[in-house]
Amino acid sequence: MGTQREFSATLIGALHQKDVIGHGSKHLELGLEHERGSMMVYLYLLATVLCFIHHGNAQEADDCFPTEWLKSLVISVNISKAGFHRDLEYSVYWSETDHDVKALLVQKMPSGVYMDEYQLETLRHDTGLEVLLDSKVDLEAPEYLSSGFTALVFLSGNAVTVPVHGRYHRPSDTHSHVTVDIQPPRLLLRSDQCETPNAQHTVVEAPCTFRNESFCLWLEIQDLKGSAGVSLELPVGDSSKTTCVCVVTLLTTTLCCVYLLIVIWRHGTF
């Protein structure tokens, strides 16, 4: 009888302990669910804040180059001097803005002209002119053995002057001059104080600076006011006089050589 009572007491105690453990597990699960709920609410709030921040940055980026401000942009391209050595004069105007604006001109050059990279390097040290060429330029090659290239002109202000030089063209028996057309440059803009907008605008990659150490996103301006190409005329040789020139050159060279030989023979020491 005593053994049965002890067994019953043990069983009741075990059931009571299981019930207590069960209640503890339920409290633990309720606590974990509460923490999960709090964490989800926190994540939702964080995502909302980040969305607002991103929207604000996007709005700020669009405000850097608003449509009305872009309409105020005007570019002027002129060419000065005469002969084979000319100057390309660029001027870019825009209305006032509360942030810095960096401008880059992308100028495609035909085979009929070239830029002297050594002269550009000297001008960079003397005047601060910054021009980056996309390829090596052969300074001695004539027009018919040359290819075009692209020059990146970084503007430090609203105006810049870049020297260009004409190449020798093939002689012709029909005309004494040839016209070389230079296309209008592409204008790229960016600002360090805000992002370049990606919507409703043409965005391209280009070197951030003249040193070409990294690339940045630039806003390419479309339908630019005053954007027009320029032309220059270069003299070409008259191919109809080739025979005459060759004969005269040969005779002159022969006579000079004969004269030098006579002088050396008479006064030279052997």
Protein backbone atom coordinates (compact mmCIF):
# COMPACT_ATOMS: atom_id res chain seq x y z
CA MET A 1 0.00 0.00 0.00
CA GLY A 2 2.81 2.37 0.89
CA THR A 3 4.59 1.55 -2.33
CA GLN A 4 1.49 2.42 -4.36
CA ARG A 5 1.16 5.79 -2.59
CA GLU A 6 4.81 6.56 -3.25
CA PHE A 7 4.39 5.67 -6.93
CA SER A 8 1.32 7.90 -7.21
CA ALA A 9 3.17 10.80 -5.58
CA THR A 10 6.11 10.36 -7.93
CA LEU A 11 3.80 10.26 -10.96
CA ILE A 12 1.95 13.41 -9.83
CA GLY A 13 5.28 15.18 -9.28
CA ALA A 14 6.51 14.22 -12.73
CA LEU A 15 3.32 15.44 -14.35
CA HIS A 16 3.53 18.70 -12.43
CA GLN A 17 7.16 19.18 -13.51
CA LYS A 18 6.24 18.51 -17.17
CA ASP A 19 3.42 21.02 -16.91
CA VAL A 20 5.83 23.64 -15.52
CA ILE A 21 8.34 22.95 -18.29
CA GLY A 22 5.57 23.21 -20.88
CA HIS A 23 4.49 26.60 -19.51
CA GLY A 24 8.14 27.76 -19.58
CA SER A 25 8.54 26.68 -23.19
CA LYS A 26 5.39 28.55 -24.16
CA HIS A 27 6.68 31.71 -22.45
CA LEU A 28 10.02 31.31 -24.24
CA GLU A 29 8.29 30.88 -27.61
CA LEU A 30 6.10 33.92 -26.95
CA GLY A 31 9.23 35.93 -26.10
CA LEU A 32 11.00 34.85 -29.30
CA GLU A 33 7.97 35.71 -31.39
CA HIS A 34 7.81 39.11 -29.74
CA GLU A 35 11.50 39.72 -30.51
CA ARG A 36 11.00 38.61 -34.13
CA GLY A 37 8.08 41.00 -34.44
CA SER A 38 10.12 43.86 -33.02
CA MET A 39 13.00 43.05 -35.39
CA MET A 40 10.67 43.03 -38.43
CA VAL A 41 9.21 46.38 -37.43
CA TYR A 42 12.74 47.77 -37.06
CA LEU A 43 13.72 46.47 -40.52
CA TYR A 44 10.59 47.98 -42.08
CA LEU A 45 11.36 51.34 -40.50
CA LEU A 46 14.98 51.17 -41.67
CA ALA A 47 13.94 50.33 -45.23
CA THR A 48 11.48 53.24 -45.22
CA VAL A 49 14.16 55.65 -44.04
CA LEU A 50 16.59 54.42 -46.69
CA CYS A 51 13.95 54.88 -49.38
CA PHE A 52 13.38 58.45 -48.29
CA ILE A 53 17.13 59.11 -48.28
CA HIS A 54 17.53 57.60 -51.76
CA HIS A 55 14.60 59.63 -53.05
CA GLY A 56 16.12 62.76 -51.58
CA ASN A 57 19.49 62.04 -53.19
CA ALA A 58 17.83 61.37 -56.53
CA GLN A 59 15.90 64.61 -56.26
CA GLU A 60 19.09 66.44 -55.37
CA ALA A 61 20.86 64.88 -58.36
CA ASP A 62 18.07 65.98 -60.71
CA ASP A 63 18.28 69.48 -59.22
CA CYS A 64 21.98 69.68 -60.17
CA PHE A 65 21.13 69.87 -63.87
CA PRO A 66 17.45 70.83 -64.15
CA THR A 67 15.87 71.09 -67.59
CA GLU A 68 15.48 74.86 -67.44
CA TRP A 69 19.14 75.29 -66.51
CA LEU A 70 20.24 73.03 -69.36
CA LYS A 71 18.36 75.25 -71.80
CA SER A 72 20.63 78.15 -70.83
CA LEU A 73 23.75 76.37 -72.13
CA VAL A 74 25.38 77.98 -75.17
CA ILE A 75 28.62 76.93 -76.89
CA SER A 76 30.72 78.91 -79.34
CA VAL A 77 33.47 77.45 -81.56
CA ASN A 78 35.73 79.62 -83.71
CA ILE A 79 38.99 79.19 -85.56
CA SER A 80 41.60 81.94 -85.77
CA LYS A 81 44.93 82.64 -87.53
CA ALA A 82 45.82 81.61 -91.08
CA GLY A 83 47.90 79.05 -92.92
CA PHE A 84 48.81 75.68 -91.47
CA HIS A 85 48.92 76.80 -87.82
CA ARG A 86 45.53 77.70 -86.31
CA ASP A 87 43.78 78.07 -82.96
CA LEU A 88 40.48 76.47 -82.00
CA GLU A 89 38.65 78.80 -79.61
CA TYR A 90 35.91 77.30 -77.43
CA SER A 91 33.51 79.21 -75.19
CA VAL A 92 30.77 77.63 -73.05
CA TYR A 93 28.20 79.75 -71.21
CA TRP A 94 25.61 78.73 -68.61
CA SER A 95 23.47 80.51 -66.06
CA GLU A 96 24.55 80.85 -62.43
CA THR A 97 24.35 77.80 -60.17
CA ASP A 98 25.01 77.15 -56.48
CA HIS A 99 27.36 74.22 -57.13
CA ASP A 100 30.53 73.71 -59.14
CA VAL A 101 30.20 72.57 -62.74
CA LYS A 102 32.98 70.72 -64.58
CA ALA A 103 32.90 70.79 -68.37
CA LEU A 104 34.56 68.45 -70.86
CA LEU A 105 34.65 68.89 -74.64
CA VAL A 106 35.00 65.74 -76.76
CA GLN A 107 36.38 66.89 -80.10
CA LYS A 108 36.77 64.50 -83.04
CA MET A 109 39.56 65.64 -85.34
CA PRO A 110 39.81 64.64 -89.03
CA SER A 111 42.95 63.34 -90.68
CA GLY A 112 43.60 66.72 -92.30
CA VAL A 113 44.75 68.32 -89.02
CA TYR A 114 46.67 67.28 -85.94
CA MET A 115 47.54 68.43 -82.44
CA ASP A 116 51.14 68.51 -81.26
CA GLU A 117 51.28 66.62 -77.96
CA TYR A 118 54.63 68.21 -77.09
CA GLN A 119 53.22 71.68 -77.62
CA LEU A 120 50.19 70.76 -75.52
CA GLU A 121 52.45 69.58 -72.72
CA THR A 122 54.34 72.89 -72.78
CA LEU A 123 51.08 74.85 -72.73
CA ARG A 124 49.84 72.76 -69.80
CA HIS A 125 52.82 73.89 -67.73
CA ASP A 126 52.65 77.50 -68.95
CA THR A 127 48.91 78.20 -69.12
CA GLY A 128 47.18 75.24 -67.45
CA LEU A 129 45.64 73.96 -70.72
CA GLU A 130 44.51 70.34 -70.26
CA VAL A 131 44.00 68.29 -73.42
CA LEU A 132 44.01 64.49 -73.49
CA LEU A 133 44.49 62.68 -76.83
CA ASP A 134 43.02 59.21 -77.29
CA SER A 135 45.89 57.96 -79.46
CA LYS A 136 49.44 58.68 -80.55
CA VAL A 137 49.61 61.33 -83.26
CA ASP A 138 52.25 61.16 -86.00
CA LEU A 139 53.37 64.76 -86.49
CA GLU A 140 55.21 64.16 -89.79
CA ALA A 141 52.71 62.04 -91.75
CA PRO A 142 50.72 63.67 -94.58
CA GLU A 143 46.93 63.69 -94.61
CA TYR A 144 46.54 60.66 -96.89
CA LEU A 145 48.67 58.50 -94.55
CA SER A 146 47.02 59.66 -91.32
CA SER A 147 43.86 58.82 -89.42
CA GLY A 148 41.57 60.92 -87.27
CA PHE A 149 41.69 61.04 -83.49
CA THR A 150 39.71 62.40 -80.53
CA ALA A 151 40.82 65.16 -78.18
CA LEU A 152 39.34 65.56 -74.68
CA VAL A 153 39.51 69.24 -73.69
CA PHE A 154 38.97 69.90 -69.97
CA LEU A 155 37.69 73.40 -69.30
CA SER A 156 39.01 75.18 -66.21
CA GLY A 157 36.77 78.17 -66.95
CA ASN A 158 34.27 79.15 -69.62
CA ALA A 159 36.77 79.53 -72.47
CA VAL A 160 39.81 77.71 -73.80
CA THR A 161 42.09 77.96 -76.86
CA VAL A 162 43.66 74.85 -78.39
CA PRO A 163 46.30 75.01 -81.16
CA VAL A 164 45.81 72.81 -84.23
CA HIS A 165 47.99 72.32 -87.31
CA GLY A 166 47.16 71.42 -90.89
CA ARG A 167 48.71 68.42 -92.63
CA TYR A 168 50.11 68.34 -96.15
CA HIS A 169 47.60 67.00 -98.68
CA ARG A 170 48.13 65.28 -102.00
CA PRO A 171 49.00 67.65 -104.85
CA SER A 172 46.12 68.38 -107.21
CA ASP A 173 45.84 69.75 -110.74
CA THR A 174 42.25 70.94 -110.27
CA HIS A 175 42.35 73.10 -107.13
CA SER A 176 44.90 75.01 -105.12
CA HIS A 177 43.23 74.71 -101.73
CA VAL A 178 41.42 72.00 -99.78
CA THR A 179 38.76 72.47 -97.11
CA VAL A 180 39.03 70.57 -93.83
CA ASP A 181 35.81 70.34 -91.82
CA ILE A 182 35.93 69.97 -88.04
CA GLN A 183 32.74 68.66 -86.44
CA PRO A 184 31.20 70.44 -83.44
CA PRO A 185 32.38 69.04 -80.10
CA ARG A 186 30.28 67.07 -77.64
CA LEU A 187 29.76 68.81 -74.31
CA LEU A 188 29.86 66.74 -71.10
CA LEU A 189 29.08 68.09 -67.62
CA ARG A 190 29.38 66.81 -64.07
CA SER A 191 29.58 68.09 -60.50
CA ASP A 192 31.43 66.73 -57.46
CA GLN A 193 28.68 68.01 -55.16
CA CYS A 194 25.94 65.77 -56.50
CA GLU A 195 25.36 62.65 -58.52
CA THR A 196 24.85 62.73 -62.26
CA PRO A 197 21.17 62.03 -63.03
CA ASN A 198 20.47 58.74 -64.77
CA ALA A 199 16.89 59.31 -65.87
CA GLN A 200 15.78 61.33 -68.89
CA HIS A 201 19.39 62.24 -69.70
CA THR A 202 22.25 60.74 -71.70
CA VAL A 203 24.99 59.66 -69.31
CA VAL A 204 28.41 58.52 -70.58
CA GLU A 205 31.68 57.44 -69.02
CA ALA A 206 34.80 59.55 -69.51
CA PRO A 207 38.03 60.26 -67.63
CA CYS A 208 37.44 62.28 -64.48
CA THR A 209 40.49 64.48 -65.04
CA PHE A 210 43.25 65.13 -67.54
CA ARG A 211 45.46 62.54 -65.80
CA ASN A 212 43.12 59.72 -66.94
CA GLU A 213 43.44 57.80 -63.66
CA SER A 214 39.73 56.98 -63.22
CA PHE A 215 36.40 57.24 -65.01
CA CYS A 216 33.34 59.27 -63.98
CA LEU A 217 29.77 59.58 -65.17
CA TRP A 218 29.23 62.69 -67.29
CA LEU A 219 25.97 64.22 -68.50
CA GLU A 220 26.05 64.65 -72.29
CA ILE A 221 24.18 67.74 -73.44
CA GLN A 222 21.86 67.20 -76.39
CA ASP A 223 20.64 69.87 -78.86
CA LEU A 224 23.20 72.40 -77.67
CA LYS A 225 22.66 76.01 -78.72
CA GLY A 226 25.34 77.48 -80.96
CA SER A 227 26.82 74.05 -81.63
CA ALA A 228 28.32 74.21 -85.12
CA GLY A 229 31.45 72.95 -86.77
CA VAL A 230 34.21 75.03 -88.31
CA SER A 231 36.22 74.75 -91.50
CA LEU A 232 39.68 75.80 -92.60
CA GLU A 233 41.33 76.00 -95.99
CA LEU A 234 44.82 74.66 -96.57
CA PRO A 235 46.98 75.15 -99.67
CA VAL A 236 47.87 72.09 -101.73
CA GLY A 237 50.57 71.56 -104.33
CA ASP A 238 49.89 71.82 -108.08
CA SER A 239 50.44 68.36 -109.53
CA SER A 240 50.54 69.74 -113.09
CA LYS A 241 53.93 71.28 -112.30
CA THR A 242 55.48 68.08 -110.96
CA THR A 243 57.74 67.53 -113.98
CA CYS A 244 58.95 71.12 -114.01
CA VAL A 245 59.64 71.10 -110.27
CA CYS A 246 61.53 67.79 -110.46
CA VAL A 247 63.71 68.97 -113.37
CA VAL A 248 64.54 72.29 -111.73
CA THR A 249 65.28 70.59 -108.41
CA LEU A 250 67.56 68.02 -110.06
CA LEU A 251 69.46 70.65 -112.06
CA THR A 252 69.87 72.88 -109.01
CA THR A 253 71.16 69.99 -106.92
CA THR A 254 73.58 68.91 -109.65
CA LEU A 255 74.97 72.42 -110.13
CA CYS A 256 75.44 72.86 -106.38
CA CYS A 257 77.29 69.55 -106.12
CA VAL A 258 79.56 70.48 -109.04
CA TYR A 259 80.30 73.87 -107.51
CA LEU A 260 81.19 72.31 -104.15
CA LEU A 261 83.48 69.77 -105.82
CA ILE A 262 85.31 72.56 -107.68
CA VAL A 263 85.75 74.62 -104.51
CA ILE A 264 87.03 71.61 -102.58
CA TRP A 265 89.40 70.67 -105.42
CA ARG A 266 90.89 74.17 -105.60
CA HIS A 267 91.17 75.02 -101.93
CA GLY A 268 91.10 71.68 -100.21
CA THR A 269 94.11 69.97 -98.65
CA PHE A 270 94.67 66.38 -99.76
